Amino acid sequence: MTAIEAVLAAAAQLLLFLTIAPLVTGAIRTMKARLQTRRGPAVWQPYRDIHKLLRKGMVIPETASWLFSVTPWVVFITAAMVGLMIPMAVTEAPLSLFGGVLAVVYLLGLGRFFLALGALDAGTPFGGLGSSREMTISAIAEPAMMLAIFTVAISANSTNLSEVARSAIGQSWRFLAPSQMLAFGAMFIVLIAETGRIPVDNPATHLELTMIHEAMILEYSGPYLALIEWGASLKQLVLMTLLVNTFFPFGLSSAWTAGGVAAGMGYYLAKLLAICCLVVLIETANAKMRLFRVPELLAIAFVLGALALISTFLF
């Protein structure tokens, strides 16, 4: 791939990520409303919300420093960069040279770290409350995610996600292996926790006793809030892409050709729809957990990831 082709591939994948991310959020909200026999918002509502916020003014706390203003950009840019490190429709990711598992985890952690700092910088009680809860969850969720991905990376002898995808395509039957099932379960729990969905958190409410993510962004408004909401949608799509293309890599194209990309996008969207339906079913069938029981759920994800990693050496 020439330099011009690499730039075009990166621009195309970035544009697709930026476009699809709000659509996934809207689809989950719409399907959840239909399953609960409610009309609910339209699928395109997240686009309208982002457009509305970008046109509004901002209210910045007097106690806030430069951290408060930098945080939305860091959250958005880190999520977008991770999107370029993960295979989407083609096995070769645009930033595959830097697309190791550790780079993905650290970039997502950097966005979370700045979001917690921005919440503390506002000087409100809710900001500190949400930051402490977010750090508690991430302390268990990140190791569980790394164990789950390392389980798949061992067979490819590489932590590069493009190499992992290429190796997994030739062994698509491996998703039936016990280690893969355990790792998938761990990664799915991490997806629920990292995106703040039921039963870990409820993104549709602002109850001060239970909110985690929403408590950190209460002081943001206007374009800053739009960047954070868009970044949250990007992070959700990144984790879903990592989940479906790591454990179910079928449909990925081996080259950046028009036909291959079109076929790969078709499979990718179908897998995304399936994982969205699974998330909606989980949210509808379960109630919000008590806050002090959330670490227990994440501990289950960690144990599943550890068992998956150990089973790769035993079997």
Protein backbone atom coordinates (compact mmCIF):
# COMPACT_ATOMS: atom_id res chain seq x y z
CA MET A 1 0.00 0.00 0.00
CA THR A 2 1.42 3.37 -1.05
CA ALA A 3 1.48 6.41 1.19
CA ILE A 4 -1.47 8.02 -0.63
CA GLU A 5 -3.51 4.82 -0.39
CA ALA A 6 -2.71 4.55 3.33
CA VAL A 7 -3.89 8.14 3.93
CA LEU A 8 -7.09 7.51 1.96
CA ALA A 9 -7.73 4.28 3.86
CA ALA A 10 -7.24 6.05 7.20
CA ALA A 11 -9.54 8.91 6.16
CA ALA A 12 -12.21 6.47 4.96
CA GLN A 13 -12.17 4.39 8.15
CA LEU A 14 -12.17 7.51 10.35
CA LEU A 15 -15.13 8.92 8.45
CA LEU A 16 -17.01 5.64 8.79
CA PHE A 17 -16.34 5.48 12.54
CA LEU A 18 -17.44 9.08 13.07
CA THR A 19 -20.61 8.47 11.04
CA ILE A 20 -21.62 5.07 12.40
CA ALA A 21 -20.95 5.76 16.11
CA PRO A 22 -24.03 7.96 16.75
CA LEU A 23 -26.13 5.60 14.62
CA VAL A 24 -25.27 2.65 16.88
CA THR A 25 -26.30 4.66 19.95
CA GLY A 26 -29.57 5.64 18.27
CA ALA A 27 -30.28 2.08 17.17
CA ILE A 28 -29.82 0.74 20.71
CA ARG A 29 -32.17 3.38 22.13
CA THR A 30 -34.81 2.73 19.46
CA MET A 31 -34.71 -1.06 19.79
CA LYS A 32 -34.86 -0.82 23.57
CA ALA A 33 -37.92 1.44 23.35
CA ARG A 34 -39.67 -0.88 20.89
CA LEU A 35 -38.95 -3.90 23.10
CA GLN A 36 -40.53 -2.03 26.02
CA THR A 37 -43.57 -1.12 23.85
CA ARG A 38 -42.62 2.56 23.79
CA ARG A 39 -42.27 4.79 20.78
CA GLY A 40 -38.89 6.13 21.85
CA PRO A 41 -36.56 8.49 19.96
CA ALA A 42 -35.74 8.17 16.28
CA VAL A 43 -32.59 6.37 15.19
CA TRP A 44 -31.19 9.70 13.97
CA GLN A 45 -31.72 11.51 17.28
CA PRO A 46 -28.03 11.37 18.38
CA TYR A 47 -27.06 13.26 15.19
CA ARG A 48 -29.61 15.94 16.00
CA ASP A 49 -28.40 16.18 19.59
CA ILE A 50 -24.76 16.61 18.51
CA HIS A 51 -25.73 19.22 15.92
CA LYS A 52 -27.81 21.13 18.48
CA LEU A 53 -25.04 21.10 21.08
CA LEU A 54 -22.44 22.30 18.59
CA ARG A 55 -24.56 25.41 17.95
CA LYS A 56 -25.14 26.27 21.63
CA GLY A 57 -23.06 28.42 23.94
CA MET A 58 -21.02 27.13 26.86
CA VAL A 59 -21.08 27.77 30.58
CA ILE A 60 -17.64 27.19 32.12
CA PRO A 61 -17.20 27.08 35.94
CA GLU A 62 -15.15 29.89 37.41
CA THR A 63 -12.95 27.40 39.27
CA ALA A 64 -12.08 25.44 36.10
CA SER A 65 -8.59 25.52 34.61
CA TRP A 66 -7.23 24.52 31.22
CA LEU A 67 -7.89 20.86 32.08
CA PHE A 68 -11.62 21.46 31.85
CA SER A 69 -11.28 22.76 28.27
CA VAL A 70 -8.75 20.16 27.10
CA THR A 71 -10.67 17.14 28.38
CA PRO A 72 -13.39 16.99 25.66
CA TRP A 73 -10.76 17.09 22.92
CA VAL A 74 -8.67 14.36 24.56
CA VAL A 75 -11.74 12.13 25.02
CA PHE A 76 -12.77 12.58 21.39
CA ILE A 77 -9.31 12.29 19.79
CA THR A 78 -8.20 9.23 21.78
CA ALA A 79 -11.40 7.36 20.87
CA ALA A 80 -10.95 8.30 17.21
CA MET A 81 -7.29 7.17 17.22
CA VAL A 82 -8.24 3.81 18.71
CA GLY A 83 -10.77 3.44 15.91
CA LEU A 84 -7.91 3.62 13.40
CA MET A 85 -5.99 0.85 15.20
CA ILE A 86 -8.76 -1.75 14.99
CA PRO A 87 -9.71 -3.67 11.82
CA MET A 88 -13.15 -2.59 10.71
CA ALA A 89 -13.95 -4.05 7.28
CA VAL A 90 -10.38 -4.96 6.27
CA THR A 91 -7.82 -6.94 8.25
CA GLU A 92 -5.21 -4.20 7.75
CA ALA A 93 -6.04 -1.31 10.07
CA PRO A 94 -4.74 2.15 9.00
CA LEU A 95 -2.63 2.51 12.16
CA SER A 96 -1.80 -1.18 12.46
CA LEU A 97 1.84 -0.32 13.12
CA PHE A 98 0.75 1.17 16.45
CA GLY A 99 -2.35 -0.99 16.85
CA GLY A 100 -1.22 -3.24 19.66
CA VAL A 101 -3.52 -4.30 22.46
CA LEU A 102 -1.61 -2.24 25.00
CA ALA A 103 -1.84 0.89 22.84
CA VAL A 104 -5.62 0.49 22.60
CA VAL A 105 -6.04 -0.01 26.35
CA TYR A 106 -3.72 2.88 27.22
CA LEU A 107 -5.40 5.33 24.83
CA LEU A 108 -8.84 4.47 26.20
CA GLY A 109 -7.40 4.83 29.69
CA LEU A 110 -5.94 8.22 28.80
CA GLY A 111 -9.37 9.49 27.75
CA ARG A 112 -10.89 8.17 30.97
CA PHE A 113 -8.10 9.74 33.04
CA PHE A 114 -8.63 13.18 31.53
CA LEU A 115 -12.41 12.88 31.91
CA ALA A 116 -11.95 12.18 35.61
CA LEU A 117 -9.53 15.10 35.91
CA GLY A 118 -11.97 17.41 34.12
CA ALA A 119 -14.75 16.41 36.49
CA LEU A 120 -12.54 17.09 39.52
CA ASP A 121 -11.37 20.38 38.00
CA ALA A 122 -14.94 21.71 37.93
CA GLY A 123 -14.93 21.64 41.74
CA THR A 124 -18.39 20.13 42.23
CA PRO A 125 -19.27 17.25 44.58
CA PHE A 126 -20.83 15.23 41.78
CA GLY A 127 -17.63 15.46 39.72
CA GLY A 128 -15.56 13.90 42.48
CA LEU A 129 -18.25 11.29 43.10
CA GLY A 130 -18.34 10.22 39.45
CA SER A 131 -14.54 10.26 39.09
CA SER A 132 -13.97 7.99 42.08
CA ARG A 133 -16.59 5.53 40.85
CA GLU A 134 -15.17 5.55 37.31
CA MET A 135 -11.64 4.83 38.54
CA THR A 136 -12.92 1.98 40.72
CA ILE A 137 -14.63 0.34 37.75
CA SER A 138 -11.70 0.85 35.39
CA ALA A 139 -9.27 -0.75 37.86
CA ILE A 140 -11.04 -4.09 37.32
CA ALA A 141 -12.39 -3.66 33.77
CA GLU A 142 -9.06 -2.89 32.08
CA PRO A 143 -7.23 -6.05 33.31
CA ALA A 144 -10.23 -8.17 32.34
CA MET A 145 -10.22 -6.69 28.83
CA MET A 146 -6.49 -7.30 28.44
CA LEU A 147 -6.82 -10.93 29.55
CA ALA A 148 -9.66 -11.53 27.09
CA ILE A 149 -7.76 -10.05 24.14
CA PHE A 150 -4.50 -11.78 25.08
CA THR A 151 -6.36 -15.08 24.90
CA VAL A 152 -6.95 -14.50 21.18
CA ALA A 153 -3.54 -12.89 20.63
CA ILE A 154 -1.66 -15.96 21.85
CA SER A 155 -2.73 -18.03 18.83
CA ALA A 156 -1.51 -15.28 16.49
CA ASN A 157 1.79 -14.87 18.36
CA SER A 158 1.27 -11.11 18.19
CA THR A 159 -0.52 -8.37 20.09
CA ASN A 160 -1.06 -6.42 16.86
CA LEU A 161 -4.80 -6.46 16.18
CA SER A 162 -4.35 -6.68 12.40
CA GLU A 163 -2.14 -9.77 12.81
CA VAL A 164 -4.69 -11.24 15.22
CA ALA A 165 -7.49 -10.69 12.67
CA ARG A 166 -5.49 -12.24 9.83
CA SER A 167 -4.66 -15.27 11.94
CA ALA A 168 -8.23 -15.70 13.20
CA ILE A 169 -9.76 -15.62 9.69
CA GLY A 170 -8.07 -18.91 8.82
CA GLN A 171 -9.27 -20.46 12.07
CA SER A 172 -12.84 -19.14 12.26
CA TRP A 173 -13.94 -22.39 13.91
CA ARG A 174 -12.00 -21.40 17.02
CA PHE A 175 -14.92 -19.32 18.34
CA LEU A 176 -16.39 -22.64 19.56
CA ALA A 177 -13.35 -23.32 21.75
CA PRO A 178 -13.94 -22.99 25.53
CA SER A 179 -11.21 -20.35 25.86
CA GLN A 180 -12.85 -18.21 23.19
CA MET A 181 -16.27 -18.47 24.83
CA LEU A 182 -14.87 -17.51 28.22
CA ALA A 183 -12.95 -14.59 26.72
CA PHE A 184 -16.05 -13.43 24.83
CA GLY A 185 -18.08 -13.46 28.05
CA ALA A 186 -15.41 -11.42 29.84
CA MET A 187 -15.16 -8.91 26.99
CA PHE A 188 -18.93 -8.51 26.80
CA ILE A 189 -19.15 -7.68 30.52
CA VAL A 190 -16.37 -5.14 30.01
CA LEU A 191 -18.35 -3.64 27.11
CA ILE A 192 -21.40 -3.19 29.37
CA ALA A 193 -19.31 -1.62 32.13
CA GLU A 194 -17.16 0.65 29.95
CA THR A 195 -20.15 2.07 28.08
CA GLY A 196 -22.14 2.66 31.28
CA ARG A 197 -25.12 0.52 30.42
CA ILE A 198 -27.56 -1.41 32.61
CA PRO A 199 -26.96 -3.24 34.94
CA VAL A 200 -23.76 -1.27 35.70
CA ASP A 201 -25.06 2.24 35.00
CA ASN A 202 -28.11 3.86 33.43
CA PRO A 203 -27.21 6.46 30.77
CA ALA A 204 -30.81 7.68 30.58
CA THR A 205 -31.02 9.08 34.12
CA HIS A 206 -29.22 11.58 36.35
CA LEU A 207 -29.87 10.04 39.78
CA GLU A 208 -27.09 11.33 42.01
CA LEU A 209 -26.97 8.15 44.10
CA THR A 210 -26.29 5.80 41.18
CA MET A 211 -24.85 7.76 38.24
CA ILE A 212 -21.22 7.23 37.23
CA HIS A 213 -20.47 8.60 33.77
CA GLU A 214 -23.15 11.28 33.84
CA ALA A 215 -21.83 12.65 37.14
CA MET A 216 -18.53 13.54 35.47
CA ILE A 217 -20.06 15.56 32.63
CA LEU A 218 -22.76 17.52 34.47
CA GLU A 219 -20.77 20.78 34.20
CA TYR A 220 -20.13 20.47 30.44
CA SER A 221 -22.36 22.15 27.88
CA GLY A 222 -22.44 23.24 24.26
CA PRO A 223 -19.64 22.06 21.92
CA TYR A 224 -17.67 20.55 24.81
CA LEU A 225 -20.61 18.32 25.73
CA ALA A 226 -21.07 17.42 22.05
CA LEU A 227 -17.43 16.24 21.84
CA ILE A 228 -17.80 14.17 25.01
CA GLU A 229 -21.07 12.56 23.84
CA TRP A 230 -19.59 11.87 20.41
CA GLY A 231 -16.46 10.47 22.05
CA ALA A 232 -18.60 8.19 24.23
CA SER A 233 -20.37 6.89 21.11
CA LEU A 234 -16.98 6.33 19.44
CA LYS A 235 -15.71 4.42 22.47
CA GLN A 236 -18.83 2.25 22.43
CA LEU A 237 -18.34 1.49 18.73
CA VAL A 238 -14.63 0.80 19.25
CA LEU A 239 -15.35 -1.77 21.96
CA MET A 240 -18.09 -3.39 19.88
CA THR A 241 -15.76 -3.55 16.86
CA LEU A 242 -13.04 -5.06 19.00
CA LEU A 243 -15.51 -7.63 20.28
CA VAL A 244 -17.01 -8.73 16.95
CA ASN A 245 -13.85 -8.61 14.82
CA THR A 246 -11.64 -10.30 17.40
CA PHE A 247 -13.89 -13.24 18.22
CA PHE A 248 -15.94 -13.42 14.99
CA PRO A 249 -13.56 -12.23 12.23
CA PHE A 250 -15.47 -13.81 9.36
CA GLY A 251 -16.30 -11.35 6.59
CA LEU A 252 -13.15 -9.25 6.96
CA SER A 253 -11.51 -8.46 3.62
CA SER A 254 -7.81 -9.09 3.15
CA ALA A 255 -7.20 -6.03 0.94
CA TRP A 256 -8.45 -2.47 0.47
CA THR A 257 -10.45 -3.11 -2.72
CA ALA A 258 -13.90 -1.76 -3.57
CA GLY A 259 -15.54 -5.18 -3.56
CA GLY A 260 -13.70 -6.37 -0.48
CA VAL A 261 -14.51 -3.25 1.53
CA ALA A 262 -18.18 -3.38 0.50
CA ALA A 263 -18.50 -7.04 1.50
CA GLY A 264 -16.58 -6.45 4.71
CA MET A 265 -18.82 -3.51 5.63
CA GLY A 266 -21.91 -5.66 5.06
CA TYR A 267 -20.66 -8.37 7.41
CA TYR A 268 -19.46 -5.72 9.89
CA LEU A 269 -22.84 -3.98 10.07
CA ALA A 270 -24.62 -7.33 10.46
CA LYS A 271 -22.35 -8.28 13.37
CA LEU A 272 -22.86 -4.84 14.93
CA LEU A 273 -26.63 -5.27 14.69
CA ALA A 274 -26.38 -8.66 16.40
CA ILE A 275 -24.29 -7.30 19.29
CA CYS A 276 -26.66 -4.32 19.64
CA CYS A 277 -29.61 -6.69 19.92
CA LEU A 278 -27.76 -8.64 22.61
CA VAL A 279 -27.05 -5.44 24.55
CA VAL A 280 -30.71 -4.42 24.31
CA LEU A 281 -31.88 -7.82 25.58
CA ILE A 282 -29.47 -7.66 28.52
CA GLU A 283 -30.60 -4.13 29.42
CA THR A 284 -34.29 -4.98 29.16
CA ALA A 285 -34.09 -8.23 31.13
CA ASN A 286 -32.04 -6.81 34.03
CA ALA A 287 -32.44 -4.03 36.55
CA LYS A 288 -29.81 -1.54 37.67
CA MET A 289 -27.44 -3.17 40.14
CA ARG A 290 -26.56 -1.64 43.48
CA LEU A 291 -23.38 0.37 43.16
CA PHE A 292 -21.43 -1.77 45.63
CA ARG A 293 -22.25 -4.92 43.64
CA VAL A 294 -20.75 -3.63 40.40
CA PRO A 295 -17.18 -4.70 41.39
CA GLU A 296 -18.52 -8.22 41.89
CA LEU A 297 -19.77 -8.30 38.29
CA LEU A 298 -16.44 -7.00 37.02
CA ALA A 299 -14.64 -9.56 39.16
CA ILE A 300 -16.59 -12.23 37.27
CA ALA A 301 -15.27 -10.75 34.00
CA PHE A 302 -11.73 -10.85 35.38
CA VAL A 303 -12.11 -14.49 36.44
CA LEU A 304 -13.54 -15.43 33.04
CA GLY A 305 -10.63 -13.70 31.31
CA ALA A 306 -8.10 -15.44 33.56
CA LEU A 307 -9.72 -18.84 32.97
CA ALA A 308 -9.75 -18.19 29.22
CA LEU A 309 -6.05 -17.36 29.22
CA ILE A 310 -5.17 -20.39 31.35
CA SER A 311 -7.26 -22.74 29.21
CA THR A 312 -5.30 -21.77 26.09
CA PHE A 313 -2.23 -23.40 27.64
CA LEU A 314 -4.10 -26.42 29.01
CA PHE A 315 -6.00 -27.34 25.82
